[in-house]
């Protein structure tokens, strides 16, 4: 009887961990000093990432694979995108192409 209780407790804790790990979250990226910060961000599927422009110049957020594309984001404005599938998504500011970063969804 004791062994069944231990096994049940382990199953419940494993299930709780798996559910907590897959919970969608919010991710924030700050655009400042002509860079994305953080330059690498990891979120779970279903998460929304928001880019906030704190720079004095407009910027864009455009994925290399065409999954998402913002218009020019002016100072104080933001752009959000909900990631629904797992993968690694590189993106760039098309106005300033040296500005590159990555969102990993897993």
PDB file of N, CA and C in Angstrom:
ATOM      1  N   UNK A   1       0.820  -1.194   0.000  1.00  0.00           N
ATOM      2  CA  UNK A   1       0.000   0.000   0.000  1.00  0.00           C
ATOM      3  C   UNK A   1       0.863   1.255   0.000  1.00  0.00           C
ATOM      4  N   UNK A   2       1.942   1.223   0.762  1.00  0.00           N
ATOM      5  CA  UNK A   2       2.829   2.370   0.851  1.00  0.00           C
ATOM      6  C   UNK A   2       3.475   2.660  -0.512  1.00  0.00           C
ATOM      7  N   UNK A   3       3.873   1.628  -1.233  1.00  0.00           N
ATOM      8  CA  UNK A   3       4.508   1.796  -2.546  1.00  0.00           C
ATOM      9  C   UNK A   3       3.543   2.454  -3.532  1.00  0.00           C
ATOM     10  N   UNK A   4       2.265   2.091  -3.498  1.00  0.00           N
ATOM     11  CA  UNK A   4       1.278   2.702  -4.390  1.00  0.00           C
ATOM     12  C   UNK A   4       1.132   4.189  -4.095  1.00  0.00           C
ATOM     13  N   UNK A   5       1.184   4.555  -2.833  1.00  0.00           N
ATOM     14  CA  UNK A   5       1.071   5.960  -2.441  1.00  0.00           C
ATOM     15  C   UNK A   5       2.266   6.752  -2.963  1.00  0.00           C
ATOM     16  N   UNK A   6       3.454   6.181  -2.850  1.00  0.00           N
ATOM     17  CA  UNK A   6       4.665   6.850  -3.336  1.00  0.00           C
ATOM     18  C   UNK A   6       4.610   7.010  -4.848  1.00  0.00           C
ATOM     19  N   UNK A   7       4.210   5.958  -5.548  1.00  0.00           N
ATOM     20  CA  UNK A   7       4.103   6.022  -7.010  1.00  0.00           C
ATOM     21  C   UNK A   7       3.072   7.070  -7.417  1.00  0.00           C
ATOM     22  N   UNK A   8       1.952   7.113  -6.743  1.00  0.00           N
ATOM     23  CA  UNK A   8       0.913   8.105  -7.059  1.00  0.00           C
ATOM     24  C   UNK A   8       1.436   9.512  -6.827  1.00  0.00           C
ATOM     25  N   UNK A   9       2.164   9.720  -5.733  1.00  0.00           N
ATOM     26  CA  UNK A   9       2.727  11.046  -5.438  1.00  0.00           C
ATOM     27  C   UNK A   9       3.732  11.449  -6.504  1.00  0.00           C
ATOM     28  N   UNK A  10       4.567  10.536  -6.941  1.00  0.00           N
ATOM     29  CA  UNK A  10       5.549  10.832  -8.002  1.00  0.00           C
ATOM     30  C   UNK A  10       4.849  11.180  -9.309  1.00  0.00           C
ATOM     31  N   UNK A  11       3.809  10.443  -9.644  1.00  0.00           N
ATOM     32  CA  UNK A  11       3.056  10.729 -10.871  1.00  0.00           C
ATOM     33  C   UNK A  11       2.429  12.117 -10.814  1.00  0.00           C
ATOM     34  N   UNK A  12       1.855  12.459  -9.674  1.00  0.00           N
ATOM     35  CA  UNK A  12       1.213  13.767  -9.525  1.00  0.00           C
ATOM     36  C   UNK A  12       2.236  14.893  -9.620  1.00  0.00           C
ATOM     37  N   UNK A  13       3.402  14.724  -9.003  1.00  0.00           N
ATOM     38  CA  UNK A  13       4.410  15.789  -9.043  1.00  0.00           C
ATOM     39  C   UNK A  13       4.984  15.924 -10.444  1.00  0.00           C
ATOM     40  N   UNK A  14       5.148  14.817 -11.150  1.00  0.00           N
ATOM     41  CA  UNK A  14       5.633  14.874 -12.534  1.00  0.00           C
ATOM     42  C   UNK A  14       4.625  15.576 -13.428  1.00  0.00           C
ATOM     43  N   UNK A  15       3.354  15.266 -13.258  1.00  0.00           N
ATOM     44  CA  UNK A  15       2.297  15.897 -14.041  1.00  0.00           C
ATOM     45  C   UNK A  15       2.239  17.397 -13.743  1.00  0.00           C
ATOM     46  N   UNK A  16       2.346  17.769 -12.483  1.00  0.00           N
ATOM     47  CA  UNK A  16       2.313  19.188 -12.102  1.00  0.00           C
ATOM     48  C   UNK A  16       3.486  19.928 -12.716  1.00  0.00           C
ATOM     49  N   UNK A  17       4.671  19.328 -12.706  1.00  0.00           N
ATOM     50  CA  UNK A  17       5.845  19.949 -13.296  1.00  0.00           C
ATOM     51  C   UNK A  17       5.650  20.129 -14.800  1.00  0.00           C
ATOM     52  N   UNK A  18       5.145  19.119 -15.481  1.00  0.00           N
ATOM     53  CA  UNK A  18       4.939  19.199 -16.929  1.00  0.00           C
ATOM     54  C   UNK A  18       3.924  20.280 -17.273  1.00  0.00           C
ATOM     55  N   UNK A  19       2.858  20.386 -16.493  1.00  0.00           N
ATOM     56  CA  UNK A  19       1.849  21.416 -16.748  1.00  0.00           C
ATOM     57  C   UNK A  19       2.404  22.809 -16.488  1.00  0.00           C
ATOM     58  N   UNK A  20       3.161  22.971 -15.423  1.00  0.00           N
ATOM     59  CA  UNK A  20       3.730  24.285 -15.097  1.00  0.00           C
ATOM     60  C   UNK A  20       4.727  24.710 -16.159  1.00  0.00           C
ATOM     61  N   UNK A  21       5.511  23.774 -16.665  1.00  0.00           N
ATOM     62  CA  UNK A  21       6.522  24.084 -17.661  1.00  0.00           C
ATOM     63  C   UNK A  21       5.893  24.536 -18.983  1.00  0.00           C
ATOM     64  N   UNK A  22       4.732  24.029 -19.311  1.00  0.00           N
ATOM     65  CA  UNK A  22       4.087  24.328 -20.589  1.00  0.00           C
ATOM     66  C   UNK A  22       3.163  25.542 -20.519  1.00  0.00           C
ATOM     67  N   UNK A  23       3.054  26.156 -19.364  1.00  0.00           N
ATOM     68  CA  UNK A  23       2.156  27.291 -19.204  1.00  0.00           C
ATOM     69  C   UNK A  23       2.639  28.472 -20.032  1.00  0.00           C
ATOM     70  N   UNK A  24       1.790  29.027 -20.886  1.00  0.00           N
ATOM     71  CA  UNK A  24       2.190  30.211 -21.655  1.00  0.00           C
ATOM     72  C   UNK A  24       2.573  31.349 -20.729  1.00  0.00           C
ATOM     73  N   UNK A  25       3.489  32.164 -21.188  1.00  0.00           N
ATOM     74  CA  UNK A  25       3.974  33.267 -20.392  1.00  0.00           C
ATOM     75  C   UNK A  25       4.111  34.511 -21.262  1.00  0.00           C
ATOM     76  N   UNK A  26       4.480  35.584 -20.632  1.00  0.00           N
ATOM     77  CA  UNK A  26       4.765  36.807 -21.367  1.00  0.00           C
ATOM     78  C   UNK A  26       6.272  36.970 -21.434  1.00  0.00           C
ATOM     79  N   UNK A  27       6.748  37.432 -22.551  1.00  0.00           N
ATOM     80  CA  UNK A  27       8.157  37.731 -22.700  1.00  0.00           C
ATOM     81  C   UNK A  27       8.297  39.171 -23.151  1.00  0.00           C
ATOM     82  N   UNK A  28       9.225  39.871 -22.576  1.00  0.00           N
ATOM     83  CA  UNK A  28       9.443  41.266 -22.940  1.00  0.00           C
ATOM     84  C   UNK A  28      10.850  41.462 -23.470  1.00  0.00           C
ATOM     85  N   UNK A  29      10.940  42.212 -24.560  1.00  0.00           N
ATOM     86  CA  UNK A  29      12.221  42.581 -25.147  1.00  0.00           C
ATOM     87  C   UNK A  29      12.255  44.098 -25.212  1.00  0.00           C
ATOM     88  N   UNK A  30      13.340  44.676 -24.730  1.00  0.00           N
ATOM     89  CA  UNK A  30      13.518  46.120 -24.787  1.00  0.00           C
ATOM     90  C   UNK A  30      14.447  46.466 -25.936  1.00  0.00           C
ATOM     91  N   UNK A  31      14.041  47.436 -26.725  1.00  0.00           N
ATOM     92  CA  UNK A  31      14.884  47.942 -27.808  1.00  0.00           C
ATOM     93  C   UNK A  31      15.523  49.226 -27.295  1.00  0.00           C
ATOM     94  N   UNK A  32      16.843  49.186 -27.150  1.00  0.00           N
ATOM     95  CA  UNK A  32      17.564  50.347 -26.612  1.00  0.00           C
ATOM     96  C   UNK A  32      19.012  50.301 -27.082  1.00  0.00           C
ATOM     97  N   UNK A  33      19.566  51.469 -27.357  1.00  0.00           N
ATOM     98  CA  UNK A  33      20.958  51.566 -27.826  1.00  0.00           C
ATOM     99  C   UNK A  33      21.201  50.705 -29.065  1.00  0.00           C
ATOM    100  N   UNK A  34      20.215  50.689 -29.951  1.00  0.00           N
ATOM    101  CA  UNK A  34      20.293  49.944 -31.206  1.00  0.00           C
ATOM    102  C   UNK A  34      20.581  48.458 -30.985  1.00  0.00           C
ATOM    103  N   UNK A  35      19.896  47.877 -29.985  1.00  0.00           N
ATOM    104  CA  UNK A  35      19.998  46.440 -29.757  1.00  0.00           C
ATOM    105  C   UNK A  35      18.715  45.929 -29.105  1.00  0.00           C
ATOM    106  N   UNK A  36      18.493  44.618 -29.225  1.00  0.00           N
ATOM    107  CA  UNK A  36      17.369  43.939 -28.590  1.00  0.00           C
ATOM    108  C   UNK A  36      17.872  43.327 -27.281  1.00  0.00           C
ATOM    109  N   UNK A  37      17.158  43.549 -26.203  1.00  0.00           N
ATOM    110  CA  UNK A  37      17.588  42.969 -24.939  1.00  0.00           C
ATOM    111  C   UNK A  37      16.425  42.318 -24.208  1.00  0.00           C
ATOM    112  N   UNK A  38      16.539  41.028 -23.926  1.00  0.00           N
ATOM    113  CA  UNK A  38      17.695  40.186 -24.166  1.00  0.00           C
ATOM    114  C   UNK A  38      17.800  39.787 -25.645  1.00  0.00           C
ATOM    115  N   UNK A  39      19.000  39.428 -26.050  1.00  0.00           N
ATOM    116  CA  UNK A  39      19.196  39.041 -27.457  1.00  0.00           C
ATOM    117  C   UNK A  39      18.723  37.616 -27.717  1.00  0.00           C
ATOM    118  N   UNK A  40      18.584  36.830 -26.664  1.00  0.00           N
ATOM    119  CA  UNK A  40      17.995  35.490 -26.769  1.00  0.00           C
ATOM    120  C   UNK A  40      16.943  35.362 -25.679  1.00  0.00           C
ATOM    121  N   UNK A  41      15.791  34.872 -26.061  1.00  0.00           N
ATOM    122  CA  UNK A  41      14.663  34.728 -25.134  1.00  0.00           C
ATOM    123  C   UNK A  41      14.044  33.359 -25.371  1.00  0.00           C
ATOM    124  N   UNK A  42      13.741  32.638 -24.290  1.00  0.00           N
ATOM    125  CA  UNK A  42      13.092  31.335 -24.399  1.00  0.00           C
ATOM    126  C   UNK A  42      11.741  31.397 -23.707  1.00  0.00           C
ATOM    127  N   UNK A  43      10.696  30.974 -24.420  1.00  0.00           N
ATOM    128  CA  UNK A  43       9.330  30.950 -23.900  1.00  0.00           C
ATOM    129  C   UNK A  43       8.679  29.628 -24.297  1.00  0.00           C
ATOM    130  N   UNK A  44       7.535  29.351 -23.718  1.00  0.00           N
ATOM    131  CA  UNK A  44       6.796  28.142 -24.071  1.00  0.00           C
ATOM    132  C   UNK A  44       5.762  28.458 -25.153  1.00  0.00           C
ATOM    133  N   UNK A  45       5.293  27.431 -25.886  1.00  0.00           N
ATOM    134  CA  UNK A  45       4.259  27.668 -26.895  1.00  0.00           C
ATOM    135  C   UNK A  45       3.023  28.332 -26.273  1.00  0.00           C
ATOM    136  N   UNK A  46       2.441  29.253 -27.000  1.00  0.00           N
ATOM    137  CA  UNK A  46       1.288  29.995 -26.518  1.00  0.00           C
ATOM    138  C   UNK A  46       1.661  31.304 -25.850  1.00  0.00           C
ATOM    139  N   UNK A  47       2.953  31.544 -25.716  1.00  0.00           N
ATOM    140  CA  UNK A  47       3.431  32.765 -25.060  1.00  0.00           C
ATOM    141  C   UNK A  47       3.405  33.956 -26.004  1.00  0.00           C
ATOM    142  N   UNK A  48       3.177  35.124 -25.429  1.00  0.00           N
ATOM    143  CA  UNK A  48       3.209  36.369 -26.182  1.00  0.00           C
ATOM    144  C   UNK A  48       4.475  37.130 -25.819  1.00  0.00           C
ATOM    145  N   UNK A  49       5.203  37.542 -26.838  1.00  0.00           N
ATOM    146  CA  UNK A  49       6.408  38.353 -26.646  1.00  0.00           C
ATOM    147  C   UNK A  49       6.076  39.773 -27.106  1.00  0.00           C
ATOM    148  N   UNK A  50       6.484  40.747 -26.301  1.00  0.00           N
ATOM    149  CA  UNK A  50       6.260  42.152 -26.626  1.00  0.00           C
ATOM    150  C   UNK A  50       7.592  42.870 -26.687  1.00  0.00           C
ATOM    151  N   UNK A  51       7.813  43.562 -27.793  1.00  0.00           N
ATOM    152  CA  UNK A  51       9.009  44.379 -27.989  1.00  0.00           C
ATOM    153  C   UNK A  51       8.637  45.829 -27.694  1.00  0.00           C
ATOM    154  N   UNK A  52       9.405  46.477 -26.818  1.00  0.00           N
ATOM    155  CA  UNK A  52       9.172  47.859 -26.408  1.00  0.00           C
ATOM    156  C   UNK A  52      10.319  48.724 -26.922  1.00  0.00           C
ATOM    157  N   UNK A  53       9.999  49.760 -27.679  1.00  0.00           N
ATOM    158  CA  UNK A  53      11.047  50.634 -28.197  1.00  0.00           C
ATOM    159  C   UNK A  53      11.355  51.756 -27.199  1.00  0.00           C
ATOM    160  N   UNK A  54      12.531  51.672 -26.594  1.00  0.00           N
ATOM    161  CA  UNK A  54      13.009  52.699 -25.665  1.00  0.00           C
ATOM    162  C   UNK A  54      14.142  53.502 -26.291  1.00  0.00           C
ATOM    163  N   UNK A  55      14.296  53.376 -27.583  1.00  0.00           N
ATOM    164  CA  UNK A  55      15.332  54.094 -28.319  1.00  0.00           C
ATOM    165  C   UNK A  55      14.759  55.395 -28.868  1.00  0.00           C
ATOM    166  N   UNK A  56      15.626  56.269 -29.287  1.00  0.00           N
ATOM    167  CA  UNK A  56      15.191  57.532 -29.872  1.00  0.00           C
ATOM    168  C   UNK A  56      14.887  57.436 -31.351  1.00  0.00           C
ATOM    169  N   UNK A  57      15.004  56.257 -31.920  1.00  0.00           N
ATOM    170  CA  UNK A  57      14.782  56.012 -33.351  1.00  0.00           C
ATOM    171  C   UNK A  57      13.731  54.923 -33.537  1.00  0.00           C
ATOM    172  N   UNK A  58      13.015  54.929 -34.654  1.00  0.00           N
ATOM    173  CA  UNK A  58      12.083  53.828 -34.933  1.00  0.00           C
ATOM    174  C   UNK A  58      12.844  52.548 -35.284  1.00  0.00           C
ATOM    175  N   UNK A  59      12.224  51.410 -34.993  1.00  0.00           N
ATOM    176  CA  UNK A  59      12.792  50.095 -35.300  1.00  0.00           C
ATOM    177  C   UNK A  59      11.675  49.177 -35.777  1.00  0.00           C
ATOM    178  N   UNK A  60      12.072  48.076 -36.416  1.00  0.00           N
ATOM    179  CA  UNK A  60      11.122  47.036 -36.800  1.00  0.00           C
ATOM    180  C   UNK A  60      11.540  45.723 -36.152  1.00  0.00           C
ATOM    181  N   UNK A  61      10.615  44.777 -36.130  1.00  0.00           N
ATOM    182  CA  UNK A  61      10.870  43.421 -35.646  1.00  0.00           C
ATOM    183  C   UNK A  61      10.350  42.491 -36.731  1.00  0.00           C
ATOM    184  N   UNK A  62      11.274  41.833 -37.440  1.00  0.00           N
ATOM    185  CA  UNK A  62      10.898  41.017 -38.589  1.00  0.00           C
ATOM    186  C   UNK A  62      11.607  39.667 -38.499  1.00  0.00           C
ATOM    187  N   UNK A  63      10.822  38.585 -38.497  1.00  0.00           N
ATOM    188  CA  UNK A  63      11.423  37.250 -38.410  1.00  0.00           C
ATOM    189  C   UNK A  63      12.026  36.856 -39.753  1.00  0.00           C
ATOM    190  N   UNK A  64      13.112  36.106 -39.668  1.00  0.00           N
ATOM    191  CA  UNK A  64      13.811  35.649 -40.875  1.00  0.00           C
ATOM    192  C   UNK A  64      12.947  34.738 -41.724  1.00  0.00           C
ATOM    193  N   UNK A  65      12.031  33.990 -41.082  1.00  0.00           N
ATOM    194  CA  UNK A  65      11.187  33.040 -41.819  1.00  0.00           C
ATOM    195  C   UNK A  65       9.841  33.623 -42.240  1.00  0.00           C
ATOM    196  N   UNK A  66       9.620  34.918 -41.971  1.00  0.00           N
ATOM    197  CA  UNK A  66       8.382  35.568 -42.386  1.00  0.00           C
ATOM    198  C   UNK A  66       7.188  35.332 -41.462  1.00  0.00           C
ATOM    199  N   UNK A  67       7.417  34.721 -40.294  1.00  0.00           N
ATOM    200  CA  UNK A  67       6.323  34.416 -39.377  1.00  0.00           C
ATOM    201  C   UNK A  67       5.689  35.678 -38.796  1.00  0.00           C
ATOM    202  N   UNK A  68       6.493  36.685 -38.490  1.00  0.00           N
ATOM    203  CA  UNK A  68       5.963  37.934 -37.946  1.00  0.00           C
ATOM    204  C   UNK A  68       6.737  39.117 -38.503  1.00  0.00           C
ATOM    205  N   UNK A  69       6.040  40.252 -38.575  1.00  0.00           N
ATOM    206  CA  UNK A  69       6.623  41.477 -39.130  1.00  0.00           C
ATOM    207  C   UNK A  69       5.887  42.669 -38.533  1.00  0.00           C
ATOM    208  N   UNK A  70       6.646  43.524 -37.868  1.00  0.00           N
ATOM    209  CA  UNK A  70       6.031  44.737 -37.328  1.00  0.00           C
ATOM    210  C   UNK A  70       6.166  45.865 -38.344  1.00  0.00           C
ATOM    211  N   UNK A  71       5.332  46.859 -38.180  1.00  0.00           N
ATOM    212  CA  UNK A  71       5.558  48.133 -38.865  1.00  0.00           C
ATOM    213  C   UNK A  71       6.659  48.840 -38.070  1.00  0.00           C
ATOM    214  N   UNK A  72       7.042  50.021 -38.473  1.00  0.00           N
ATOM    215  CA  UNK A  72       8.024  50.784 -37.702  1.00  0.00           C
ATOM    216  C   UNK A  72       7.441  51.064 -36.320  1.00  0.00           C
ATOM    217  N   UNK A  73       8.225  50.763 -35.292  1.00  0.00           N
ATOM    218  CA  UNK A  73       7.817  50.982 -33.906  1.00  0.00           C
ATOM    219  C   UNK A  73       8.529  52.243 -33.432  1.00  0.00           C
ATOM    220  N   UNK A  74       7.770  53.297 -33.179  1.00  0.00           N
ATOM    221  CA  UNK A  74       8.357  54.552 -32.733  1.00  0.00           C
ATOM    222  C   UNK A  74       8.712  54.495 -31.244  1.00  0.00           C
ATOM    223  N   UNK A  75       9.451  55.479 -30.786  1.00  0.00           N
ATOM    224  CA  UNK A  75       9.825  55.587 -29.381  1.00  0.00           C
ATOM    225  C   UNK A  75       8.574  55.536 -28.500  1.00  0.00           C
ATOM    226  N   UNK A  76       8.609  54.667 -27.484  1.00  0.00           N
ATOM    227  CA  UNK A  76       7.479  54.531 -26.570  1.00  0.00           C
ATOM    228  C   UNK A  76       6.394  53.590 -27.041  1.00  0.00           C
ATOM    229  N   UNK A  77       6.503  53.088 -28.251  1.00  0.00           N
ATOM    230  CA  UNK A  77       5.508  52.150 -28.780  1.00  0.00           C
ATOM    231  C   UNK A  77       5.998  50.715 -28.618  1.00  0.00           C
ATOM    232  N   UNK A  78       5.089  49.766 -28.874  1.00  0.00           N
ATOM    233  CA  UNK A  78       5.453  48.356 -28.758  1.00  0.00           C
ATOM    234  C   UNK A  78       4.770  47.529 -29.839  1.00  0.00           C
ATOM    235  N   UNK A  79       5.254  46.309 -29.979  1.00  0.00           N
ATOM    236  CA  UNK A  79       4.714  45.331 -30.918  1.00  0.00           C
ATOM    237  C   UNK A  79       4.693  43.989 -30.200  1.00  0.00           C
ATOM    238  N   UNK A  80       3.596  43.228 -30.340  1.00  0.00           N
ATOM    239  CA  UNK A  80       3.469  41.915 -29.694  1.00  0.00           C
ATOM    240  C   UNK A  80       3.171  40.837 -30.714  1.00  0.00           C
ATOM    241  N   UNK A  81       3.646  39.625 -30.407  1.00  0.00           N
ATOM    242  CA  UNK A  81       3.369  38.468 -31.248  1.00  0.00           C
ATOM    243  C   UNK A  81       3.217  37.249 -30.354  1.00  0.00           C
ATOM    244  N   UNK A  82       2.192  36.426 -30.642  1.00  0.00           N
ATOM    245  CA  UNK A  82       1.948  35.196 -29.886  1.00  0.00           C
ATOM    246  C   UNK A  82       2.573  34.018 -30.631  1.00  0.00           C
ATOM    247  N   UNK A  83       3.479  33.311 -29.973  1.00  0.00           N
ATOM    248  CA  UNK A  83       4.154  32.152 -30.559  1.00  0.00           C
ATOM    249  C   UNK A  83       3.349  30.899 -30.232  1.00  0.00           C
ATOM    250  N   UNK A  84       2.838  30.230 -31.260  1.00  0.00           N
ATOM    251  CA  UNK A  84       1.976  29.070 -31.049  1.00  0.00           C
ATOM    252  C   UNK A  84       2.671  27.736 -31.289  1.00  0.00           C
ATOM    253  N   UNK A  85       3.846  27.761 -31.923  1.00  0.00           N
ATOM    254  CA  UNK A  85       4.541  26.501 -32.203  1.00  0.00           C
ATOM    255  C   UNK A  85       5.995  26.587 -31.747  1.00  0.00           C
ATOM    256  N   UNK A  86       6.541  25.421 -31.444  1.00  0.00           N
ATOM    257  CA  UNK A  86       7.930  25.340 -31.004  1.00  0.00           C
ATOM    258  C   UNK A  86       8.878  25.632 -32.167  1.00  0.00           C
ATOM    259  N   UNK A  87      10.033  26.156 -31.837  1.00  0.00           N
ATOM    260  CA  UNK A  87      11.050  26.419 -32.841  1.00  0.00           C
ATOM    261  C   UNK A  87      11.980  27.529 -32.390  1.00  0.00           C
ATOM    262  N   UNK A  88      12.946  27.815 -33.239  1.00  0.00           N
ATOM    263  CA  UNK A  88      13.885  28.904 -32.995  1.00  0.00           C
ATOM    264  C   UNK A  88      13.641  29.945 -34.074  1.00  0.00           C
ATOM    265  N   UNK A  89      13.357  31.166 -33.656  1.00  0.00           N
ATOM    266  CA  UNK A  89      12.950  32.220 -34.576  1.00  0.00           C
ATOM    267  C   UNK A  89      13.921  33.398 -34.486  1.00  0.00           C
ATOM    268  N   UNK A  90      14.724  33.541 -35.526  1.00  0.00           N
ATOM    269  CA  UNK A  90      15.654  34.670 -35.596  1.00  0.00           C
ATOM    270  C   UNK A  90      14.910  35.867 -36.160  1.00  0.00           C
ATOM    271  N   UNK A  91      15.253  37.051 -35.656  1.00  0.00           N
ATOM    272  CA  UNK A  91      14.619  38.260 -36.167  1.00  0.00           C
ATOM    273  C   UNK A  91      15.613  39.400 -36.245  1.00  0.00           C
ATOM    274  N   UNK A  92      15.200  40.439 -36.979  1.00  0.00           N
ATOM    275  CA  UNK A  92      16.085  41.553 -37.286  1.00  0.00           C
ATOM    276  C   UNK A  92      15.278  42.843 -37.320  1.00  0.00           C
ATOM    277  N   UNK A  93      15.955  43.956 -37.117  1.00  0.00           N
ATOM    278  CA  UNK A  93      15.364  45.265 -37.405  1.00  0.00           C
ATOM    279  C   UNK A  93      15.747  45.574 -38.845  1.00  0.00           C
ATOM    280  N   UNK A  94      14.775  45.691 -39.726  1.00  0.00           N
ATOM    281  CA  UNK A  94      15.097  45.909 -41.144  1.00  0.00           C
ATOM    282  C   UNK A  94      15.634  47.316 -41.412  1.00  0.00           C
ATOM    283  N   UNK A  95      15.417  48.239 -40.484  1.00  0.00           N
ATOM    284  CA  UNK A  95      15.967  49.591 -40.630  1.00  0.00           C
ATOM    285  C   UNK A  95      17.443  49.598 -40.253  1.00  0.00           C
ATOM    286  N   UNK A  96      17.792  48.766 -39.264  1.00  0.00           N
ATOM    287  CA  UNK A  96      19.174  48.672 -38.764  1.00  0.00           C
ATOM    288  C   UNK A  96      19.560  47.190 -38.754  1.00  0.00           C
ATOM    289  N   UNK A  97      19.969  46.617 -39.887  1.00  0.00           N
ATOM    290  CA  UNK A  97      20.151  45.167 -40.028  1.00  0.00           C
ATOM    291  C   UNK A  97      21.195  44.529 -39.110  1.00  0.00           C
ATOM    292  N   UNK A  98      22.029  45.330 -38.447  1.00  0.00           N
ATOM    293  CA  UNK A  98      22.977  44.730 -37.497  1.00  0.00           C
ATOM    294  C   UNK A  98      22.281  44.337 -36.191  1.00  0.00           C
ATOM    295  N   UNK A  99      21.049  44.808 -36.015  1.00  0.00           N
ATOM    296  CA  UNK A  99      20.259  44.455 -34.835  1.00  0.00           C
ATOM    297  C   UNK A  99      19.580  43.107 -35.077  1.00  0.00           C
ATOM    298  N   UNK A 100      20.093  42.074 -34.442  1.00  0.00           N
ATOM    299  CA  UNK A 100      19.540  40.718 -34.605  1.00  0.00           C
ATOM    300  C   UNK A 100      19.355  40.081 -33.229  1.00  0.00           C
ATOM    301  N   UNK A 101      18.401  39.158 -33.141  1.00  0.00           N
ATOM    302  CA  UNK A 101      18.143  38.439 -31.894  1.00  0.00           C
ATOM    303  C   UNK A 101      17.356  37.173 -32.208  1.00  0.00           C
ATOM    304  N   UNK A 102      17.043  36.400 -31.165  1.00  0.00           N
ATOM    305  CA  UNK A 102      16.375  35.110 -31.340  1.00  0.00           C
ATOM    306  C   UNK A 102      15.360  34.856 -30.236  1.00  0.00           C
ATOM    307  N   UNK A 103      14.209  34.300 -30.622  1.00  0.00           N
ATOM    308  CA  UNK A 103      13.241  33.773 -29.665  1.00  0.00           C
ATOM    309  C   UNK A 103      13.188  32.263 -29.891  1.00  0.00           C
ATOM    310  N   UNK A 104      13.372  31.513 -28.803  1.00  0.00           N
ATOM    311  CA  UNK A 104      13.249  30.057 -28.850  1.00  0.00           C
ATOM    312  C   UNK A 104      11.972  29.674 -28.118  1.00  0.00           C
ATOM    313  N   UNK A 105      11.153  28.865 -28.771  1.00  0.00           N
ATOM    314  CA  UNK A 105       9.894  28.415 -28.190  1.00  0.00           C
ATOM    315  C   UNK A 105      10.008  26.909 -27.978  1.00  0.00           C
ATOM    316  N   UNK A 106       9.932  26.491 -26.694  1.00  0.00           N
ATOM    317  CA  UNK A 106       9.989  25.052 -26.375  1.00  0.00           C
ATOM    318  C   UNK A 106       9.285  24.751 -25.090  1.00  0.00           C
TER     319      UNK A 106
END
